[in-house]
Protein backbone atom coordinates (compact mmCIF):
# COMPACT_ATOMS: atom_id res chain seq x y z
CA MET A 1 171.04 181.64 131.30
CA SER A 2 170.77 185.61 131.08
CA SER A 3 170.22 185.95 135.03
CA ARG A 4 173.27 183.69 135.71
CA LEU A 5 175.49 185.62 133.46
CA ASP A 6 174.28 188.89 135.08
CA SER A 7 176.08 188.06 138.32
CA LYS A 8 179.60 187.65 136.37
CA PRO A 9 182.26 190.44 136.43
CA GLN A 10 183.29 189.80 132.94
CA ILE A 11 179.57 190.72 131.52
CA TRP A 12 179.68 193.84 133.81
CA THR A 13 183.06 194.92 132.33
CA LEU A 14 181.90 194.21 128.95
CA ALA A 15 178.88 196.55 129.28
CA ALA A 16 180.79 199.40 130.94
CA ASP A 17 183.40 198.67 127.92
CA LEU A 18 180.79 199.00 125.49
CA GLY A 19 179.55 202.44 127.32
CA LEU A 20 176.08 201.07 128.31
CA GLY A 21 176.11 202.23 132.03
CA ARG A 22 175.03 200.73 134.94
CA SER A 23 172.01 198.43 134.82
CA ALA A 24 170.66 195.76 137.27
CA SER A 25 171.03 193.53 134.16
CA PRO A 26 174.10 194.04 131.70
CA THR A 27 173.03 191.02 129.73
CA GLY A 28 170.10 192.45 128.65
CA SER A 29 171.62 195.99 127.95
CA ILE A 30 174.23 194.17 125.98
CA LEU A 31 171.43 192.12 123.96
CA ALA A 32 169.50 195.31 123.25
CA HIS A 33 172.79 197.31 122.18
CA VAL A 34 173.38 194.12 119.57
CA LYS A 35 169.57 193.89 118.44
CA LYS A 36 169.60 197.52 117.96
CA ARG A 37 172.81 197.41 115.70
CA ILE A 38 171.24 194.47 113.86
CA LYS A 39 168.20 196.47 113.06
CA GLN A 40 170.13 199.30 111.71
CA ILE A 41 172.38 196.74 109.20
CA ALA A 42 169.18 195.36 108.05
CA LYS A 43 167.85 198.45 107.33
CA LYS A 44 171.15 199.75 105.44
CA PHE A 45 171.48 196.79 103.16
CA SER A 46 167.71 196.01 102.80
CA CYS A 47 167.98 192.24 104.23
CA GLU A 48 164.89 190.49 103.43
CA ASN A 49 165.95 186.97 105.22
CA LEU A 50 168.23 185.67 107.99
CA ASN A 51 170.81 184.62 105.25
CA SER A 52 171.25 187.93 103.78
CA LEU A 53 171.32 189.43 107.18
CA LEU A 54 174.20 186.98 108.02
CA VAL A 55 176.21 188.08 104.93
CA ALA A 56 175.55 192.06 105.51
CA THR A 57 176.52 191.97 109.22
CA ALA A 58 179.84 190.07 108.40
CA GLY A 59 180.83 192.85 105.87
CA GLU A 60 179.72 195.59 108.60
CA VAL A 61 182.01 194.14 111.24
CA GLY A 62 184.66 193.59 108.77
CA THR A 63 185.10 189.67 108.62
CA ILE A 64 185.14 187.07 106.11
CA PHE A 65 184.27 183.54 106.54
CA GLU A 66 186.69 180.65 105.61
CA GLU A 67 185.03 177.39 105.81
CA ILE A 68 187.03 174.22 106.93
CA ARG A 69 185.93 171.13 105.37
CA SER A 70 188.80 169.09 105.33
CA ASP A 71 191.94 168.56 106.98
CA ASP A 72 193.79 169.56 103.66
CA GLY A 73 191.41 172.37 103.33
CA LEU A 74 192.73 173.91 106.96
CA ARG A 75 196.03 173.47 105.80
CA ARG A 76 195.35 175.39 102.48
CA VAL A 77 193.80 178.37 104.61
CA ARG A 78 196.72 178.24 107.06
CA GLN A 79 199.21 178.31 104.34
CA LYS A 80 197.49 180.94 102.59
CA TYR A 81 197.49 183.47 105.37
CA LEU A 82 200.63 182.80 106.63
CA GLU A 83 202.14 183.54 103.19
CA ARG A 84 200.50 187.18 103.57
CA GLY A 85 202.57 187.35 106.54
CA GLU A 86 199.76 186.65 109.04
CA SER A 87 201.78 184.43 111.93
CA ALA A 88 198.62 183.94 113.99
CA PHE A 89 197.44 181.44 111.55
CA ALA A 90 200.55 179.15 112.09
CA ASN A 91 198.73 177.26 115.14
CA LEU A 92 195.46 177.05 113.34
CA GLU A 93 195.59 173.12 113.16
CA ASN A 94 196.03 173.11 117.32
CA ASP A 95 193.37 175.64 117.38
CA LEU A 96 190.50 173.37 116.03
CA ARG A 97 191.82 170.13 116.96
CA HIS A 98 189.26 169.28 119.64
CA PRO A 99 185.98 168.21 118.83
CA ASP A 100 184.58 171.02 120.79
CA ASP A 101 186.54 173.67 118.97
CA LEU A 102 184.19 175.13 116.31
CA ALA A 103 185.51 178.42 114.98
CA ILE A 104 188.07 181.15 115.60
CA THR A 105 188.13 184.77 114.36
CA ILE A 106 191.69 186.42 113.62
CA ARG A 107 192.55 189.95 112.95
CA ARG A 108 194.90 190.58 110.29
CA LEU A 109 197.91 192.58 110.73
CA HIS A 110 199.11 192.77 107.33
CA ARG A 111 196.55 193.51 104.83
CA GLU A 112 195.41 195.91 102.14
CA ALA A 113 193.24 198.87 103.13
CA TRP A 114 190.27 197.37 101.24
CA GLU A 115 190.44 194.02 102.64
CA PRO A 116 188.67 192.96 105.83
CA GLU A 117 190.27 193.27 109.06
CA PHE A 118 189.21 189.95 110.51
CA VAL A 119 189.14 186.30 109.18
CA SER A 120 186.39 184.14 110.75
CA ILE A 121 187.30 180.22 110.32
CA ILE A 122 184.34 178.06 110.74
CA ASP A 123 185.29 174.41 111.15
CA CYS A 124 182.69 172.29 109.01
CA ARG A 125 184.49 168.95 109.51
CA GLY A 126 182.41 165.92 110.25
CA ASP A 127 179.44 166.56 112.74
CA LYS A 128 180.77 170.40 113.41
CA ILE A 129 178.88 171.42 110.19
CA TYR A 130 175.70 170.93 112.06
CA ARG A 131 176.73 173.71 114.47
CA SER A 132 178.38 175.87 111.87
CA TYR A 133 175.09 178.29 111.34
CA PHE A 134 175.60 179.20 115.27
CA SER A 135 179.55 179.31 114.96
CA ARG A 136 179.17 182.05 112.18
CA TRP A 137 176.87 184.04 114.26
CA HIS A 138 178.93 183.58 117.17
CA GLU A 139 182.04 184.76 115.92
CA LEU A 140 179.91 187.60 114.48
CA ALA A 141 178.64 188.40 118.23
CA HIS A 142 182.25 188.88 119.09
CA LEU A 143 182.82 191.67 116.54
CA LEU A 144 179.29 192.87 117.25
CA THR A 145 180.58 193.67 120.89
CA LEU A 146 183.91 194.50 119.96
CA THR A 147 185.45 197.22 122.45
CA PRO A 148 188.55 199.31 122.34
CA GLN A 149 190.39 196.58 124.51
CA MET A 150 190.47 194.57 121.33
CA ARG A 151 191.68 191.38 121.16
CA LEU A 152 193.51 189.45 118.14
CA VAL A 153 191.99 186.05 118.57
CA PHE A 154 188.33 185.10 119.35
CA ARG A 155 187.71 181.31 119.85
CA ARG A 156 184.38 179.34 120.23
CA THR A 157 184.19 176.36 122.04
CA HIS A 158 181.43 174.20 123.75
CA ALA A 159 183.11 173.41 127.04
CA GLU A 160 180.79 172.45 129.84
CA PRO A 161 178.93 175.59 131.11
CA SER A 162 179.94 174.96 134.60
CA VAL A 163 183.80 176.26 133.44
CA GLN A 164 183.08 177.99 129.86
CA ASP A 165 184.13 181.69 130.02
CA PRO A 166 181.04 183.76 130.77
CA GLU A 167 181.80 185.89 128.04
CA GLU A 168 181.80 182.90 125.69
CA LEU A 169 178.37 181.72 126.85
CA LEU A 170 177.04 185.43 126.61
CA MET A 171 178.34 185.13 122.90
CA ASP A 172 176.07 181.98 122.45
CA VAL A 173 172.97 183.84 123.74
CA ILE A 174 173.57 186.51 121.29
CA ALA A 175 174.15 184.03 118.43
CA SER A 176 170.77 182.41 119.50
CA THR A 177 168.84 185.65 119.43
CA VAL A 178 170.03 187.30 116.20
CA GLY A 179 170.72 183.96 114.26
CA PHE A 180 166.92 183.48 114.65
CA PHE A 181 165.88 187.09 114.60
CA ARG A 182 162.42 187.44 115.15
CA ASP A 183 161.85 190.12 112.36
CA PHE A 184 162.63 187.91 109.70
CA LEU A 185 160.41 184.91 110.98
CA PRO A 186 157.36 184.15 108.57
CA SER A 187 154.39 186.02 109.58
CA GLU A 188 152.35 182.98 109.69
CA MET A 189 154.11 181.66 112.85
CA GLN A 190 152.85 184.62 114.55
CA ASN A 191 149.32 182.86 114.43
CA ASP A 192 150.03 179.06 114.70
CA ILE A 193 153.40 177.57 116.27
CA SER A 194 153.84 174.23 114.72
CA PHE A 195 156.67 171.48 114.37
CA GLU A 196 156.17 171.89 110.40
CA GLY A 197 156.66 175.77 110.59
CA ILE A 198 159.67 175.57 112.71
CA ARG A 199 161.11 172.89 110.28
CA GLN A 200 160.40 175.18 107.14
CA ILE A 201 162.03 178.21 108.87
CA GLN A 202 165.36 176.10 109.19
CA GLU A 203 165.28 174.66 105.72
CA GLU A 204 164.99 178.04 104.44
CA PHE A 205 167.24 180.37 106.51
CA CYS A 206 169.66 177.64 108.09
CA PRO A 207 169.85 174.22 106.76
CA GLU A 208 172.95 173.46 107.99
CA ALA A 209 171.91 173.96 111.53
CA SER A 210 171.04 170.61 113.40
CA LYS A 211 167.33 170.14 113.56
CA GLN A 212 167.45 169.84 117.42
CA ALA A 213 169.47 173.28 117.76
CA ALA A 214 167.28 174.94 115.25
CA LEU A 215 164.01 173.66 117.27
CA ILE A 216 165.33 175.24 120.40
CA ASN A 217 166.55 178.50 119.27
CA ILE A 218 163.47 179.34 116.89
CA VAL A 219 161.24 178.53 120.24
CA LYS A 220 163.60 181.18 122.05
CA VAL A 221 162.98 183.95 120.14
CA LEU A 222 159.12 183.15 118.93
CA PRO A 223 157.12 186.75 119.83
CA GLN A 224 154.46 184.30 121.09
CA PRO A 225 154.58 182.47 124.56
CA CYS A 226 156.00 178.73 123.95
CA ILE A 227 157.52 175.97 126.04
CA LEU A 228 159.46 173.17 124.29
CA ILE A 229 160.22 170.13 126.24
CA GLU A 230 161.69 166.51 125.32
CA ALA A 231 160.15 163.75 127.58
CA LYS A 232 161.90 160.60 128.30
CA LEU A 233 161.76 157.84 131.02
CA GLY A 234 163.81 159.02 134.34
CA LEU A 235 164.07 159.06 137.63
CA ARG A 236 163.79 161.61 140.50
CA LYS A 237 166.94 163.32 141.51
CA SER A 238 166.98 161.66 144.82
CA GLU A 239 166.69 158.42 142.87
CA GLY A 240 169.58 158.46 140.92
CA PRO A 241 171.26 159.70 137.50
CA GLY A 242 169.30 160.95 134.43
CA PRO A 243 167.92 159.37 131.51
CA ASP A 244 171.18 158.77 129.76
CA GLN A 245 172.94 157.07 132.59
CA LEU A 246 169.75 155.18 133.16
CA ALA A 247 169.86 153.63 129.61
CA LEU A 248 173.46 152.58 130.72
CA GLY A 249 172.07 150.88 134.01
CA ILE A 250 173.46 153.22 136.32
CA GLY A 251 171.21 154.43 139.20
CA ARG A 252 168.93 152.87 142.07
CA LYS A 253 168.02 149.11 140.97
CA ASP A 254 164.46 149.70 142.94
CA ALA A 255 163.68 152.93 141.33
CA ILE A 256 161.00 152.65 138.75
CA PRO A 257 161.71 155.21 135.84
CA GLU A 258 158.88 157.43 134.78
CA LEU A 259 158.16 159.65 131.68
CA ARG A 260 159.59 163.03 132.69
CA ALA A 261 160.26 166.30 131.26
CA VAL A 262 164.08 165.87 130.94
CA HIS A 263 164.86 168.93 128.78
CA VAL A 264 162.95 172.42 128.87
CA THR A 265 163.13 175.60 127.28
CA VAL A 266 160.71 178.36 128.14
CA ASN A 267 160.77 181.30 125.78
CA ASN A 268 160.91 184.93 127.19
CA ALA A 269 157.59 185.47 125.89
CA ALA A 270 156.19 183.02 128.30
CA ARG A 271 158.27 184.17 130.97
CA ASP A 272 157.15 187.65 130.44
CA SER A 273 153.60 186.40 130.67
CA GLY A 274 154.21 184.93 134.11
CA VAL A 275 154.29 181.43 132.77
CA ARG A 276 156.83 178.93 134.57
CA PHE A 277 157.41 175.50 134.22
CA HIS A 278 160.14 172.91 135.72
CA ARG A 279 162.78 170.34 134.51
CA ASN A 280 162.20 166.82 135.39
CA TRP A 281 158.45 166.74 136.33
CA ARG A 282 156.53 163.74 135.78
CA VAL A 283 154.37 163.90 132.59
CA PRO A 284 150.78 163.43 133.53
CA ALA A 285 149.08 160.24 132.55
CA ARG A 286 146.35 161.89 130.61
CA SER A 287 148.33 164.19 128.48
CA VAL A 288 148.82 163.75 124.78
CA ILE A 289 152.59 163.44 125.67
CA SER A 290 152.16 160.19 127.47
CA ARG A 291 149.77 158.98 124.68
CA ALA A 292 152.30 159.95 122.04
CA PHE A 293 155.23 158.17 123.98
CA LEU A 294 153.11 154.97 124.31
CA ASP A 295 151.30 154.95 120.91
CA GLY A 296 154.33 156.82 118.78
CA GLY A 297 153.18 159.37 116.08
CA TYR A 298 151.61 162.85 116.61
CA ALA A 299 149.13 164.04 119.24
CA GLU A 300 147.52 167.28 119.90
CA SER A 301 144.96 168.57 122.38
CA THR A 302 143.93 171.28 124.96
CA GLU A 303 145.32 170.83 128.35
CA ASN A 304 145.97 172.69 131.38
CA LEU A 305 149.58 172.87 133.40
CA SER A 306 147.91 172.50 136.81
CA TRP A 307 147.97 168.71 135.85
CA TRP A 308 151.50 168.51 136.00
CA THR A 309 152.47 167.68 139.68
CA THR A 310 155.52 166.37 141.69
CA SER A 311 155.34 163.01 144.16
CA ALA A 312 155.63 165.59 146.89
CA GLY A 313 152.48 167.18 145.90
CA GLY A 314 153.79 170.38 144.21
CA SER A 315 151.88 171.55 140.98
CA LEU A 316 151.93 174.10 138.37
CA GLY A 317 149.45 177.16 138.36
CA PRO A 318 146.48 176.90 136.08
CA CYS A 319 147.02 177.72 132.55
CA ARG A 320 145.30 176.46 129.46
CA VAL A 321 147.73 175.22 126.70
CA VAL A 322 147.65 173.78 123.29
CA VAL A 323 149.94 170.47 123.49
CA LYS A 324 151.55 169.25 120.18
CA ALA A 325 153.52 166.06 120.79
CA LYS A 326 155.47 163.64 118.53
CA LYS A 327 157.44 160.63 119.13
CA THR A 328 161.08 160.67 118.40
CA TRP A 329 162.75 157.37 118.87
CA ASP A 330 163.09 157.03 122.76
CA SER A 331 161.56 160.73 123.49
CA VAL A 332 158.73 162.88 122.72
CA GLN A 333 159.23 166.42 121.86
CA ALA A 334 156.39 168.73 122.70
CA LEU A 335 155.12 172.15 121.93
CA LEU A 336 153.29 173.82 124.77
CA ILE A 337 151.42 176.84 123.70
CA PRO A 338 149.62 179.07 126.43
CA ILE A 339 146.23 180.28 125.88
CA LEU A 340 146.42 183.59 127.16
């Protein structure tokens, strides 16, 4: 994601507006800028966990959160600020009408000197509540990267990545990084990565985040190398569409689906160590991932990435990994922890 964003003019412009200078990786420069500021906030307010960091950051950037949990609640918030002369709230119901409209931050033009400058409205209606933790951090990411070219409104949506604004994608990257800031992860996670440890982090720091979103984003920020995969029955790209379409009966009739790594997350620590992994590769028959898929439950073993091959003969480089796999409905989630 970061490397793709580095090529976008909007990201270069944002880095320049923040006074970060020219860099081969403006995304990396912006992330470093935000993380430095987050550390300053954490020290200033003596933050002890991610929840206190969230509250402190909101106060530091000058916003308050308004949580919308019903249609009536949305109308009450809209009316509350309209009565205070904030006309930007007039269209709030339309701003949050779509399932992918998760949050919006509005700058207040008529406020008392002691009141926060911004209001961040977080839509918690229905299934949106499972993404509300990340929505808060996404809105804070906008304010942490605020430049003199200030806007009055920031929107947070989840449009398809191919058409989404690169700046919005960058805010998601920032939200994932600081929303699970590694400085606040339990020390035991330094030595033993596990599904249970990740679950405990989610329950303690972000209980409203969806389990899948929390799993992916916590793995991303772990300081030690880790690969998260979801394995499902699927086809090669040349044979037809992915597993979701396959479930609907779409694809070549003569193609035989195999267990494949349909979703892959390689964290930065793994990449920095030279570990690579590819999406949609076949799961080795001798892997505990295959065993967990067939037998259910949980399985764990020490394996080697060189076991992973393609039908064309390609393979991953040798690297011993601890594999922890568990069956979840029609797929297997697995943590691959390199032994370096």
